[in-house]
Amino acid sequence: MDRRSFITKAGLIGVGATAGLSLWSEAQAHPAGQSTKRLVILHTNDTHSRLDPFPDDGRKWGGLGGIARRAALVQSIRATEHQVLLLDSGDIVQGTPYFNFFGGEPELKAMSAMGYDAATLGNHDFDNGLKGLGRMLPHATFPYLCANYDFGKTVLSGRFEPYKVFDKGGVKIGVFGLGIAFEGLVLPTAYGATVWQDPLPIARQMVDHLRQKLGCDYIICLSHLGLTYGNDKVSDRLLAKSTPGLDLILGGHTHTFMDQPERVLHPGGQETIINQVGWAGVWLGQIEVEFGAGQVPKTSARLPYALDSKIVG
């Protein structure tokens, strides 16, 4: 399939996936007499330009994945859930010829048409250098969020925000992003004058700002740090233990398939929840949060969706 044909097809798929959005209304989001508000968070990570399903030839993950199936599944969930966030935790690109030939355009156009709300940067976003990353960005209608990369002395200065606040039926959701250190992963010529900053103090700053200054009811980190390394390298587990007030970490980088999220209990009784759904878009994660008046939000998760041939896209 040539570039124009693929992008046209991906756009049509995405239009179908987001058609249900026009049916939303505040009345639907809050039926009369309903005191509990519900948010569904759908998430992916490390999809690595895998736009087609894996061949069903006996290999691991054979027959799974595919952007069309993901779009169809997201559409079906949005048809029944009134408040949905669709998020990604980095490394959207690199891994198939789609990226080699088209530089990220079809991946981001398909995700934009699908209605992604936000993503963070992965190390592979730098594979074509800062100029290559800059050429990708216009194809994304969703923001890339990253609080600990300083692009101030690069050609991408001012192109990224540290966080974004979403209003979902009167509930304020703060989302920020964190990226992994470049050393050993990204060539210096690729990231140039971009400065990586320690994500642990930045995460605490983000939580304080979003909670105290902006009044967010729930705070999500889109992390490309990796789940854990068994040493003192910064990871999602270390981030969770070090950041009271952070509700949810949606991780990436280590390609970890988690059937259920991990829960880190802080001394004050507050939990930080960590989840990650493998790689290549073979799973779609779903986190559910209920907000009751004057109550701590209750977070739960369903088993991840496996994108198999039963999903028609």
C-alpha atoms as a PDB file:
ATOM      1  CA  MET A   1       0.000   0.000   0.000  1.00  0.00           C
ATOM      2  CA  ASP A   2       1.443   3.416  -0.906  1.00  0.00           C
ATOM      3  CA  ARG A   3       1.660   6.304   1.523  1.00  0.00           C
ATOM      4  CA  ARG A   4      -1.412   8.172   0.280  1.00  0.00           C
ATOM      5  CA  SER A   5      -3.622   5.057   0.249  1.00  0.00           C
ATOM      6  CA  PHE A   6      -2.559   4.017   3.728  1.00  0.00           C
ATOM      7  CA  ILE A   7      -3.074   7.439   5.289  1.00  0.00           C
ATOM      8  CA  THR A   8      -6.485   7.758   3.631  1.00  0.00           C
ATOM      9  CA  LYS A   9      -7.521   4.347   4.935  1.00  0.00           C
ATOM     10  CA  ALA A  10      -6.207   5.102   8.441  1.00  0.00           C
ATOM     11  CA  GLY A  11      -8.111   8.392   8.461  1.00  0.00           C
ATOM     12  CA  LEU A  12     -11.373   6.665   7.554  1.00  0.00           C
ATOM     13  CA  ILE A  13     -10.837   4.085  10.284  1.00  0.00           C
ATOM     14  CA  GLY A  14     -10.232   6.835  12.804  1.00  0.00           C
ATOM     15  CA  VAL A  15     -13.305   8.797  11.749  1.00  0.00           C
ATOM     16  CA  GLY A  16     -15.399   5.734  12.499  1.00  0.00           C
ATOM     17  CA  ALA A  17     -13.658   5.304  15.851  1.00  0.00           C
ATOM     18  CA  THR A  18     -14.462   8.839  16.956  1.00  0.00           C
ATOM     19  CA  ALA A  19     -17.969   9.147  15.549  1.00  0.00           C
ATOM     20  CA  GLY A  20     -19.482   8.381  18.941  1.00  0.00           C
ATOM     21  CA  LEU A  21     -17.956  11.529  20.406  1.00  0.00           C
ATOM     22  CA  SER A  22     -20.663  13.676  18.829  1.00  0.00           C
ATOM     23  CA  LEU A  23     -23.227  11.878  20.994  1.00  0.00           C
ATOM     24  CA  TRP A  24     -21.668  13.037  24.263  1.00  0.00           C
ATOM     25  CA  SER A  25     -23.358  15.629  26.433  1.00  0.00           C
ATOM     26  CA  GLU A  26     -23.184  16.730  30.004  1.00  0.00           C
ATOM     27  CA  ALA A  27     -26.659  15.299  30.548  1.00  0.00           C
ATOM     28  CA  GLN A  28     -25.396  11.882  29.457  1.00  0.00           C
ATOM     29  CA  ALA A  29     -22.298  12.209  31.598  1.00  0.00           C
ATOM     30  CA  HIS A  30     -24.317  12.950  34.727  1.00  0.00           C
ATOM     31  CA  PRO A  31     -27.792  11.445  34.685  1.00  0.00           C
ATOM     32  CA  ALA A  32     -30.236  12.938  37.161  1.00  0.00           C
ATOM     33  CA  GLY A  33     -29.643  11.665  40.669  1.00  0.00           C
ATOM     34  CA  GLN A  34     -26.279  10.078  39.906  1.00  0.00           C
ATOM     35  CA  SER A  35     -23.733  11.180  42.525  1.00  0.00           C
ATOM     36  CA  THR A  36     -20.804   9.022  41.362  1.00  0.00           C
ATOM     37  CA  LYS A  37     -18.863  10.088  38.280  1.00  0.00           C
ATOM     38  CA  ARG A  38     -16.982   7.507  36.234  1.00  0.00           C
ATOM     39  CA  LEU A  39     -13.907   7.884  34.054  1.00  0.00           C
ATOM     40  CA  VAL A  40     -12.487   5.217  31.737  1.00  0.00           C
ATOM     41  CA  ILE A  41      -8.809   5.521  30.815  1.00  0.00           C
ATOM     42  CA  LEU A  42      -7.675   3.572  27.752  1.00  0.00           C
ATOM     43  CA  HIS A  43      -3.943   3.311  27.191  1.00  0.00           C
ATOM     44  CA  THR A  44      -1.183   1.946  24.981  1.00  0.00           C
ATOM     45  CA  ASN A  45       2.619   2.010  25.024  1.00  0.00           C
ATOM     46  CA  ASP A  46       5.507   1.029  22.776  1.00  0.00           C
ATOM     47  CA  THR A  47       3.358   0.391  19.723  1.00  0.00           C
ATOM     48  CA  HIS A  48       6.516   0.748  17.575  1.00  0.00           C
ATOM     49  CA  SER A  49       4.905   1.458  14.190  1.00  0.00           C
ATOM     50  CA  ARG A  50       3.071  -1.893  14.294  1.00  0.00           C
ATOM     51  CA  LEU A  51       0.043  -0.795  12.284  1.00  0.00           C
ATOM     52  CA  ASP A  52      -0.808  -4.255  10.958  1.00  0.00           C
ATOM     53  CA  PRO A  53      -1.530  -7.366  13.036  1.00  0.00           C
ATOM     54  CA  PHE A  54       1.305  -9.843  13.480  1.00  0.00           C
ATOM     55  CA  PRO A  55       1.070 -12.675  10.915  1.00  0.00           C
ATOM     56  CA  ASP A  56      -0.881 -15.601  12.342  1.00  0.00           C
ATOM     57  CA  ASP A  57       1.911 -18.086  11.694  1.00  0.00           C
ATOM     58  CA  GLY A  58       2.568 -19.605  15.087  1.00  0.00           C
ATOM     59  CA  ARG A  59       4.923 -16.899  16.348  1.00  0.00           C
ATOM     60  CA  LYS A  60       4.447 -15.320  19.762  1.00  0.00           C
ATOM     61  CA  TRP A  61       1.681 -12.720  19.499  1.00  0.00           C
ATOM     62  CA  GLY A  62       0.786 -14.130  16.075  1.00  0.00           C
ATOM     63  CA  GLY A  63      -2.532 -12.799  14.789  1.00  0.00           C
ATOM     64  CA  LEU A  64      -2.713 -10.046  17.420  1.00  0.00           C
ATOM     65  CA  GLY A  65      -2.650  -6.270  17.148  1.00  0.00           C
ATOM     66  CA  GLY A  66      -3.407  -3.847  14.352  1.00  0.00           C
ATOM     67  CA  ILE A  67      -4.422  -0.203  14.293  1.00  0.00           C
ATOM     68  CA  ALA A  68      -7.824  -0.939  12.684  1.00  0.00           C
ATOM     69  CA  ARG A  69      -8.786  -3.330  15.479  1.00  0.00           C
ATOM     70  CA  ARG A  70      -7.662  -0.813  18.079  1.00  0.00           C
ATOM     71  CA  ALA A  71      -9.803   1.871  16.453  1.00  0.00           C
ATOM     72  CA  ALA A  72     -12.839  -0.428  16.382  1.00  0.00           C
ATOM     73  CA  LEU A  73     -12.379  -1.384  20.033  1.00  0.00           C
ATOM     74  CA  VAL A  74     -11.988   2.220  21.140  1.00  0.00           C
ATOM     75  CA  GLN A  75     -15.121   3.108  19.191  1.00  0.00           C
ATOM     76  CA  SER A  76     -17.118   0.364  20.905  1.00  0.00           C
ATOM     77  CA  ILE A  77     -15.975   1.475  24.361  1.00  0.00           C
ATOM     78  CA  ARG A  78     -16.777   5.103  23.651  1.00  0.00           C
ATOM     79  CA  ALA A  79     -20.256   4.045  22.541  1.00  0.00           C
ATOM     80  CA  THR A  80     -21.045   2.853  26.080  1.00  0.00           C
ATOM     81  CA  GLU A  81     -18.796   5.019  28.285  1.00  0.00           C
ATOM     82  CA  HIS A  82     -19.503   8.733  28.538  1.00  0.00           C
ATOM     83  CA  GLN A  83     -16.128   9.960  29.794  1.00  0.00           C
ATOM     84  CA  VAL A  84     -13.024   8.422  28.206  1.00  0.00           C
ATOM     85  CA  LEU A  85      -9.359   9.392  28.032  1.00  0.00           C
ATOM     86  CA  LEU A  86      -7.135   7.713  25.421  1.00  0.00           C
ATOM     87  CA  LEU A  87      -3.426   7.978  26.264  1.00  0.00           C
ATOM     88  CA  ASP A  88      -0.051   6.643  25.102  1.00  0.00           C
ATOM     89  CA  SER A  89       3.235   6.263  26.984  1.00  0.00           C
ATOM     90  CA  GLY A  90       5.785   6.626  24.204  1.00  0.00           C
ATOM     91  CA  ASP A  91       7.705   4.856  21.443  1.00  0.00           C
ATOM     92  CA  ILE A  92       4.820   5.151  19.030  1.00  0.00           C
ATOM     93  CA  VAL A  93       7.305   4.900  16.160  1.00  0.00           C
ATOM     94  CA  GLN A  94      10.200   2.721  14.970  1.00  0.00           C
ATOM     95  CA  GLY A  95      10.013  -0.994  14.326  1.00  0.00           C
ATOM     96  CA  THR A  96       8.404  -1.509  10.906  1.00  0.00           C
ATOM     97  CA  PRO A  97       8.949  -0.104   7.384  1.00  0.00           C
ATOM     98  CA  TYR A  98       6.101   2.363   7.943  1.00  0.00           C
ATOM     99  CA  PHE A  99       8.512   4.446  10.004  1.00  0.00           C
ATOM    100  CA  ASN A 100      11.497   3.824   7.744  1.00  0.00           C
ATOM    101  CA  PHE A 101       9.642   5.089   4.682  1.00  0.00           C
ATOM    102  CA  PHE A 102       7.207   7.677   6.088  1.00  0.00           C
ATOM    103  CA  GLY A 103       8.921   8.974   9.244  1.00  0.00           C
ATOM    104  CA  GLY A 104       5.984   8.638  11.648  1.00  0.00           C
ATOM    105  CA  GLU A 105       3.284  10.273   9.527  1.00  0.00           C
ATOM    106  CA  PRO A 106       0.867   7.320   9.163  1.00  0.00           C
ATOM    107  CA  GLU A 107       1.174   6.336  12.843  1.00  0.00           C
ATOM    108  CA  LEU A 108       0.344   9.809  14.120  1.00  0.00           C
ATOM    109  CA  LYS A 109      -2.385  10.480  11.569  1.00  0.00           C
ATOM    110  CA  ALA A 110      -4.115   7.224  12.468  1.00  0.00           C
ATOM    111  CA  MET A 111      -3.874   7.923  16.198  1.00  0.00           C
ATOM    112  CA  SER A 112      -5.103  11.478  15.702  1.00  0.00           C
ATOM    113  CA  ALA A 113      -8.119  10.265  13.755  1.00  0.00           C
ATOM    114  CA  MET A 114      -8.749   7.742  16.526  1.00  0.00           C
ATOM    115  CA  GLY A 115      -8.955  10.602  19.020  1.00  0.00           C
ATOM    116  CA  TYR A 116      -5.933  10.154  21.287  1.00  0.00           C
ATOM    117  CA  ASP A 117      -5.909  12.782  24.024  1.00  0.00           C
ATOM    118  CA  ALA A 118      -2.177  12.842  24.839  1.00  0.00           C
ATOM    119  CA  ALA A 119       1.106  10.941  24.619  1.00  0.00           C
ATOM    120  CA  THR A 120       4.601  11.255  26.003  1.00  0.00           C
ATOM    121  CA  LEU A 121       7.961  10.964  24.286  1.00  0.00           C
ATOM    122  CA  GLY A 122       9.879   7.701  24.060  1.00  0.00           C
ATOM    123  CA  ASN A 123      13.562   7.341  23.255  1.00  0.00           C
ATOM    124  CA  HIS A 124      12.756   6.142  19.715  1.00  0.00           C
ATOM    125  CA  ASP A 125      11.011   9.426  18.933  1.00  0.00           C
ATOM    126  CA  PHE A 126      14.559  10.785  18.552  1.00  0.00           C
ATOM    127  CA  ASP A 127      15.700   8.155  16.031  1.00  0.00           C
ATOM    128  CA  ASN A 128      15.509  10.615  13.114  1.00  0.00           C
ATOM    129  CA  GLY A 129      17.014  13.410  15.188  1.00  0.00           C
ATOM    130  CA  LEU A 130      15.370  16.579  16.402  1.00  0.00           C
ATOM    131  CA  LYS A 131      14.454  17.650  12.885  1.00  0.00           C
ATOM    132  CA  GLY A 132      12.820  14.277  12.234  1.00  0.00           C
ATOM    133  CA  LEU A 133      10.845  14.591  15.457  1.00  0.00           C
ATOM    134  CA  GLY A 134       9.822  18.081  14.428  1.00  0.00           C
ATOM    135  CA  ARG A 135       8.537  16.789  11.082  1.00  0.00           C
ATOM    136  CA  MET A 136       6.367  14.238  12.898  1.00  0.00           C
ATOM    137  CA  LEU A 137       4.656  16.656  15.257  1.00  0.00           C
ATOM    138  CA  PRO A 138       2.253  18.379  12.808  1.00  0.00           C
ATOM    139  CA  HIS A 139       0.630  15.001  12.090  1.00  0.00           C
ATOM    140  CA  ALA A 140      -0.473  14.661  15.725  1.00  0.00           C
ATOM    141  CA  THR A 141      -3.600  16.512  16.803  1.00  0.00           C
ATOM    142  CA  PHE A 142      -2.919  15.366  20.372  1.00  0.00           C
ATOM    143  CA  PRO A 143      -0.153  16.908  22.529  1.00  0.00           C
ATOM    144  CA  TYR A 144       3.108  15.220  23.411  1.00  0.00           C
ATOM    145  CA  LEU A 145       3.654  15.917  27.115  1.00  0.00           C
ATOM    146  CA  CYS A 146       7.086  15.796  28.729  1.00  0.00           C
ATOM    147  CA  ALA A 147       8.086  17.615  31.915  1.00  0.00           C
ATOM    148  CA  ASN A 148      11.725  16.542  32.245  1.00  0.00           C
ATOM    149  CA  TYR A 149      13.164  17.148  28.771  1.00  0.00           C
ATOM    150  CA  ASP A 150      14.374  20.724  28.306  1.00  0.00           C
ATOM    151  CA  PHE A 151      14.293  21.644  24.607  1.00  0.00           C
ATOM    152  CA  GLY A 152      15.039  25.312  25.278  1.00  0.00           C
ATOM    153  CA  LYS A 153      18.286  25.376  23.297  1.00  0.00           C
ATOM    154  CA  THR A 154      17.076  23.253  20.378  1.00  0.00           C
ATOM    155  CA  VAL A 155      15.016  23.710  17.220  1.00  0.00           C
ATOM    156  CA  LEU A 156      12.048  22.239  19.160  1.00  0.00           C
ATOM    157  CA  SER A 157      11.966  24.958  21.811  1.00  0.00           C
ATOM    158  CA  GLY A 158       8.361  25.694  22.762  1.00  0.00           C
ATOM    159  CA  ARG A 159       6.953  22.672  20.932  1.00  0.00           C
ATOM    160  CA  PHE A 160       6.111  20.592  24.026  1.00  0.00           C
ATOM    161  CA  GLU A 161       4.158  21.156  27.224  1.00  0.00           C
ATOM    162  CA  PRO A 162       4.887  19.487  30.584  1.00  0.00           C
ATOM    163  CA  TYR A 163       1.241  18.732  31.366  1.00  0.00           C
ATOM    164  CA  LYS A 164      -2.372  19.161  30.343  1.00  0.00           C
ATOM    165  CA  VAL A 165      -5.579  19.324  32.377  1.00  0.00           C
ATOM    166  CA  PHE A 166      -8.704  17.611  31.048  1.00  0.00           C
ATOM    167  CA  ASP A 167     -12.216  18.369  32.291  1.00  0.00           C
ATOM    168  CA  LYS A 168     -14.251  15.174  32.224  1.00  0.00           C
ATOM    169  CA  GLY A 169     -17.793  15.913  33.293  1.00  0.00           C
ATOM    170  CA  GLY A 170     -16.677  18.399  35.945  1.00  0.00           C
ATOM    171  CA  VAL A 171     -13.787  16.232  37.175  1.00  0.00           C
ATOM    172  CA  LYS A 172     -10.325  17.719  36.575  1.00  0.00           C
ATOM    173  CA  ILE A 173      -7.712  15.218  35.390  1.00  0.00           C
ATOM    174  CA  GLY A 174      -4.077  16.336  35.337  1.00  0.00           C
ATOM    175  CA  VAL A 175      -1.745  14.470  32.979  1.00  0.00           C
ATOM    176  CA  PHE A 176       2.012  14.974  32.703  1.00  0.00           C
ATOM    177  CA  GLY A 177       4.823  13.106  30.949  1.00  0.00           C
ATOM    178  CA  LEU A 178       8.288  11.859  31.898  1.00  0.00           C
ATOM    179  CA  GLY A 179      11.026  10.589  29.580  1.00  0.00           C
ATOM    180  CA  ILE A 180      13.945   8.240  30.114  1.00  0.00           C
ATOM    181  CA  ALA A 181      17.621   9.305  30.226  1.00  0.00           C
ATOM    182  CA  PHE A 182      19.316   9.405  26.831  1.00  0.00           C
ATOM    183  CA  GLU A 183      22.585   7.715  27.794  1.00  0.00           C
ATOM    184  CA  GLY A 184      22.988   4.371  26.085  1.00  0.00           C
ATOM    185  CA  LEU A 185      19.665   4.738  24.236  1.00  0.00           C
ATOM    186  CA  VAL A 186      19.854   7.831  22.031  1.00  0.00           C
ATOM    187  CA  LEU A 187      22.838   9.077  20.070  1.00  0.00           C
ATOM    188  CA  PRO A 188      24.077  12.527  21.174  1.00  0.00           C
ATOM    189  CA  THR A 189      23.728  13.704  17.588  1.00  0.00           C
ATOM    190  CA  ALA A 190      20.039  12.735  17.713  1.00  0.00           C
ATOM    191  CA  TYR A 191      19.031  14.591  20.879  1.00  0.00           C
ATOM    192  CA  GLY A 192      21.474  17.479  20.433  1.00  0.00           C
ATOM    193  CA  ALA A 193      21.194  20.148  23.111  1.00  0.00           C
ATOM    194  CA  THR A 194      18.125  18.567  24.734  1.00  0.00           C
ATOM    195  CA  VAL A 195      18.681  18.325  28.491  1.00  0.00           C
ATOM    196  CA  TRP A 196      17.351  15.362  30.478  1.00  0.00           C
ATOM    197  CA  GLN A 197      16.372  16.279  34.043  1.00  0.00           C
ATOM    198  CA  ASP A 198      15.908  13.941  37.017  1.00  0.00           C
ATOM    199  CA  PRO A 199      12.232  12.915  36.856  1.00  0.00           C
ATOM    200  CA  LEU A 200      11.760  12.324  40.608  1.00  0.00           C
ATOM    201  CA  PRO A 201      11.836  15.958  41.825  1.00  0.00           C
ATOM    202  CA  ILE A 202      10.024  17.053  38.674  1.00  0.00           C
ATOM    203  CA  ALA A 203       7.222  14.564  39.348  1.00  0.00           C
ATOM    204  CA  ARG A 204       6.766  15.973  42.851  1.00  0.00           C
ATOM    205  CA  GLN A 205       6.645  19.487  41.403  1.00  0.00           C
ATOM    206  CA  MET A 206       4.070  18.405  38.835  1.00  0.00           C
ATOM    207  CA  VAL A 207       1.845  16.729  41.432  1.00  0.00           C
ATOM    208  CA  ASP A 208       2.014  19.767  43.720  1.00  0.00           C
ATOM    209  CA  HIS A 209       1.240  22.169  40.875  1.00  0.00           C
ATOM    210  CA  LEU A 210      -1.601  20.121  39.428  1.00  0.00           C
ATOM    211  CA  ARG A 211      -3.163  19.313  42.802  1.00  0.00           C
ATOM    212  CA  GLN A 212      -2.617  22.495  44.783  1.00  0.00           C
ATOM    213  CA  LYS A 213      -2.474  25.227  42.147  1.00  0.00           C
ATOM    214  CA  LEU A 214      -4.822  23.853  39.485  1.00  0.00           C
ATOM    215  CA  GLY A 215      -7.188  21.844  41.704  1.00  0.00           C
ATOM    216  CA  CYS A 216      -6.950  18.525  39.868  1.00  0.00           C
ATOM    217  CA  ASP A 217      -8.995  15.666  41.287  1.00  0.00           C
ATOM    218  CA  TYR A 218      -6.839  12.909  39.760  1.00  0.00           C
ATOM    219  CA  ILE A 219      -3.253  12.931  38.469  1.00  0.00           C
ATOM    220  CA  ILE A 220      -1.769  10.657  35.806  1.00  0.00           C
ATOM    221  CA  CYS A 221       1.861  10.327  34.744  1.00  0.00           C
ATOM    222  CA  LEU A 222       2.618   9.085  31.244  1.00  0.00           C
ATOM    223  CA  SER A 223       6.004   7.502  31.868  1.00  0.00           C
ATOM    224  CA  HIS A 224       8.613   6.133  29.506  1.00  0.00           C
ATOM    225  CA  LEU A 225      10.979   5.290  32.357  1.00  0.00           C
ATOM    226  CA  GLY A 226      10.413   1.516  32.490  1.00  0.00           C
ATOM    227  CA  LEU A 227       8.799  -0.578  35.221  1.00  0.00           C
ATOM    228  CA  THR A 228      11.885  -1.616  37.215  1.00  0.00           C
ATOM    229  CA  TYR A 229      15.580  -2.470  36.824  1.00  0.00           C
ATOM    230  CA  GLY A 230      16.612  -4.095  40.108  1.00  0.00           C
ATOM    231  CA  ASN A 231      18.993  -1.239  40.916  1.00  0.00           C
ATOM    232  CA  ASP A 232      18.781   2.478  41.623  1.00  0.00           C
ATOM    233  CA  LYS A 233      18.010   3.460  38.013  1.00  0.00           C
ATOM    234  CA  VAL A 234      14.897   5.621  37.916  1.00  0.00           C
ATOM    235  CA  SER A 235      11.840   3.480  37.150  1.00  0.00           C
ATOM    236  CA  ASP A 236       8.088   3.533  37.570  1.00  0.00           C
ATOM    237  CA  ARG A 237       8.322   1.638  40.853  1.00  0.00           C
ATOM    238  CA  LEU A 238      10.816   4.124  42.236  1.00  0.00           C
ATOM    239  CA  LEU A 239       8.709   6.993  40.921  1.00  0.00           C
ATOM    240  CA  ALA A 240       5.606   5.604  42.634  1.00  0.00           C
ATOM    241  CA  LYS A 241       7.379   5.160  45.980  1.00  0.00           C
ATOM    242  CA  SER A 242       8.835   8.672  45.781  1.00  0.00           C
ATOM    243  CA  THR A 243       5.732  10.620  44.757  1.00  0.00           C
ATOM    244  CA  PRO A 244       2.799  10.752  47.201  1.00  0.00           C
ATOM    245  CA  GLY A 245      -0.270  12.254  45.597  1.00  0.00           C
ATOM    246  CA  LEU A 246       0.365  10.694  42.192  1.00  0.00           C
ATOM    247  CA  ASP A 247      -2.662   8.535  41.431  1.00  0.00           C
ATOM    248  CA  LEU A 248      -1.697   6.584  38.312  1.00  0.00           C
ATOM    249  CA  ILE A 249       1.451   5.810  36.321  1.00  0.00           C
ATOM    250  CA  LEU A 250       0.886   4.517  32.795  1.00  0.00           C
ATOM    251  CA  GLY A 251       4.280   3.125  31.867  1.00  0.00           C
ATOM    252  CA  GLY A 252       6.320   2.074  28.886  1.00  0.00           C
ATOM    253  CA  HIS A 253       9.808   1.258  27.636  1.00  0.00           C
ATOM    254  CA  THR A 254      10.270  -2.172  29.282  1.00  0.00           C
ATOM    255  CA  HIS A 255       7.493  -3.776  27.190  1.00  0.00           C
ATOM    256  CA  THR A 256       5.993  -5.311  30.321  1.00  0.00           C
ATOM    257  CA  PHE A 257       2.718  -7.218  29.940  1.00  0.00           C
ATOM    258  CA  MET A 258       0.807  -6.640  33.195  1.00  0.00           C
ATOM    259  CA  ASP A 259      -2.408  -8.604  33.736  1.00  0.00           C
ATOM    260  CA  GLN A 260      -3.166  -6.396  36.722  1.00  0.00           C
ATOM    261  CA  PRO A 261      -1.717  -3.074  37.869  1.00  0.00           C
ATOM    262  CA  GLU A 262       0.713  -2.799  40.756  1.00  0.00           C
ATOM    263  CA  ARG A 263      -0.349  -0.777  43.776  1.00  0.00           C
ATOM    264  CA  VAL A 264       2.172   1.156  45.868  1.00  0.00           C
ATOM    265  CA  LEU A 265       0.865   2.180  49.280  1.00  0.00           C
ATOM    266  CA  HIS A 266       2.328   5.374  50.742  1.00  0.00           C
ATOM    267  CA  PRO A 267       2.675   5.931  54.522  1.00  0.00           C
ATOM    268  CA  GLY A 268      -0.296   8.309  54.517  1.00  0.00           C
ATOM    269  CA  GLY A 269      -2.558   5.603  53.102  1.00  0.00           C
ATOM    270  CA  GLN A 270      -2.696   6.958  49.535  1.00  0.00           C
ATOM    271  CA  GLU A 271      -2.019   4.590  46.636  1.00  0.00           C
ATOM    272  CA  THR A 272      -0.104   5.058  43.428  1.00  0.00           C
ATOM    273  CA  ILE A 273      -1.097   2.565  40.736  1.00  0.00           C
ATOM    274  CA  ILE A 274       1.234   1.414  37.924  1.00  0.00           C
ATOM    275  CA  ASN A 275       0.119  -0.227  34.693  1.00  0.00           C
ATOM    276  CA  GLN A 276       1.726  -1.163  31.358  1.00  0.00           C
ATOM    277  CA  VAL A 277       0.435  -3.190  28.408  1.00  0.00           C
ATOM    278  CA  GLY A 278       3.413  -4.759  26.681  1.00  0.00           C
ATOM    279  CA  TRP A 279       4.309  -3.576  23.192  1.00  0.00           C
ATOM    280  CA  ALA A 280       3.339  -3.556  19.497  1.00  0.00           C
ATOM    281  CA  GLY A 281      -0.284  -2.662  20.209  1.00  0.00           C
ATOM    282  CA  VAL A 282      -1.325  -6.245  20.884  1.00  0.00           C
ATOM    283  CA  TRP A 283      -3.113  -5.173  24.081  1.00  0.00           C
ATOM    284  CA  LEU A 284      -5.246  -2.191  25.029  1.00  0.00           C
ATOM    285  CA  GLY A 285      -5.344  -1.309  28.714  1.00  0.00           C
ATOM    286  CA  GLN A 286      -8.422  -0.048  30.548  1.00  0.00           C
ATOM    287  CA  ILE A 287      -8.398   1.678  33.933  1.00  0.00           C
ATOM    288  CA  GLU A 288     -11.668   2.738  35.578  1.00  0.00           C
ATOM    289  CA  VAL A 289     -11.978   5.495  38.169  1.00  0.00           C
ATOM    290  CA  GLU A 290     -15.052   6.390  40.202  1.00  0.00           C
ATOM    291  CA  PHE A 291     -15.364   9.786  41.852  1.00  0.00           C
ATOM    292  CA  GLY A 292     -17.831  10.154  44.718  1.00  0.00           C
ATOM    293  CA  ALA A 293     -18.558  13.433  46.450  1.00  0.00           C
ATOM    294  CA  GLY A 294     -16.067  13.910  49.277  1.00  0.00           C
ATOM    295  CA  GLN A 295     -14.493  10.486  48.714  1.00  0.00           C
ATOM    296  CA  VAL A 296     -11.079   9.298  47.571  1.00  0.00           C
ATOM    297  CA  PRO A 297     -11.286   8.215  43.909  1.00  0.00           C
ATOM    298  CA  LYS A 298     -11.584   4.448  43.506  1.00  0.00           C
ATOM    299  CA  THR A 299      -9.341   3.016  40.797  1.00  0.00           C
ATOM    300  CA  SER A 300      -9.773  -0.444  39.306  1.00  0.00           C
ATOM    301  CA  ALA A 301      -8.741  -2.229  36.124  1.00  0.00           C
ATOM    302  CA  ARG A 302     -10.256  -4.801  33.821  1.00  0.00           C
ATOM    303  CA  LEU A 303      -8.092  -7.453  32.197  1.00  0.00           C
ATOM    304  CA  PRO A 304      -6.346  -5.924  29.166  1.00  0.00           C
ATOM    305  CA  TYR A 305      -8.046  -6.378  25.826  1.00  0.00           C
ATOM    306  CA  ALA A 306      -6.161  -8.635  23.415  1.00  0.00           C
ATOM    307  CA  LEU A 307      -6.577  -7.274  19.891  1.00  0.00           C
ATOM    308  CA  ASP A 308      -7.408 -10.495  18.056  1.00  0.00           C
ATOM    309  CA  SER A 309      -9.457 -11.420  14.992  1.00  0.00           C
ATOM    310  CA  LYS A 310     -12.706 -11.278  16.985  1.00  0.00           C
ATOM    311  CA  ILE A 311     -12.410  -7.497  16.818  1.00  0.00           C
ATOM    312  CA  VAL A 312     -13.479  -6.442  13.352  1.00  0.00           C
ATOM    313  CA  GLY A 313     -11.798  -3.303  12.172  1.00  0.00           C
END
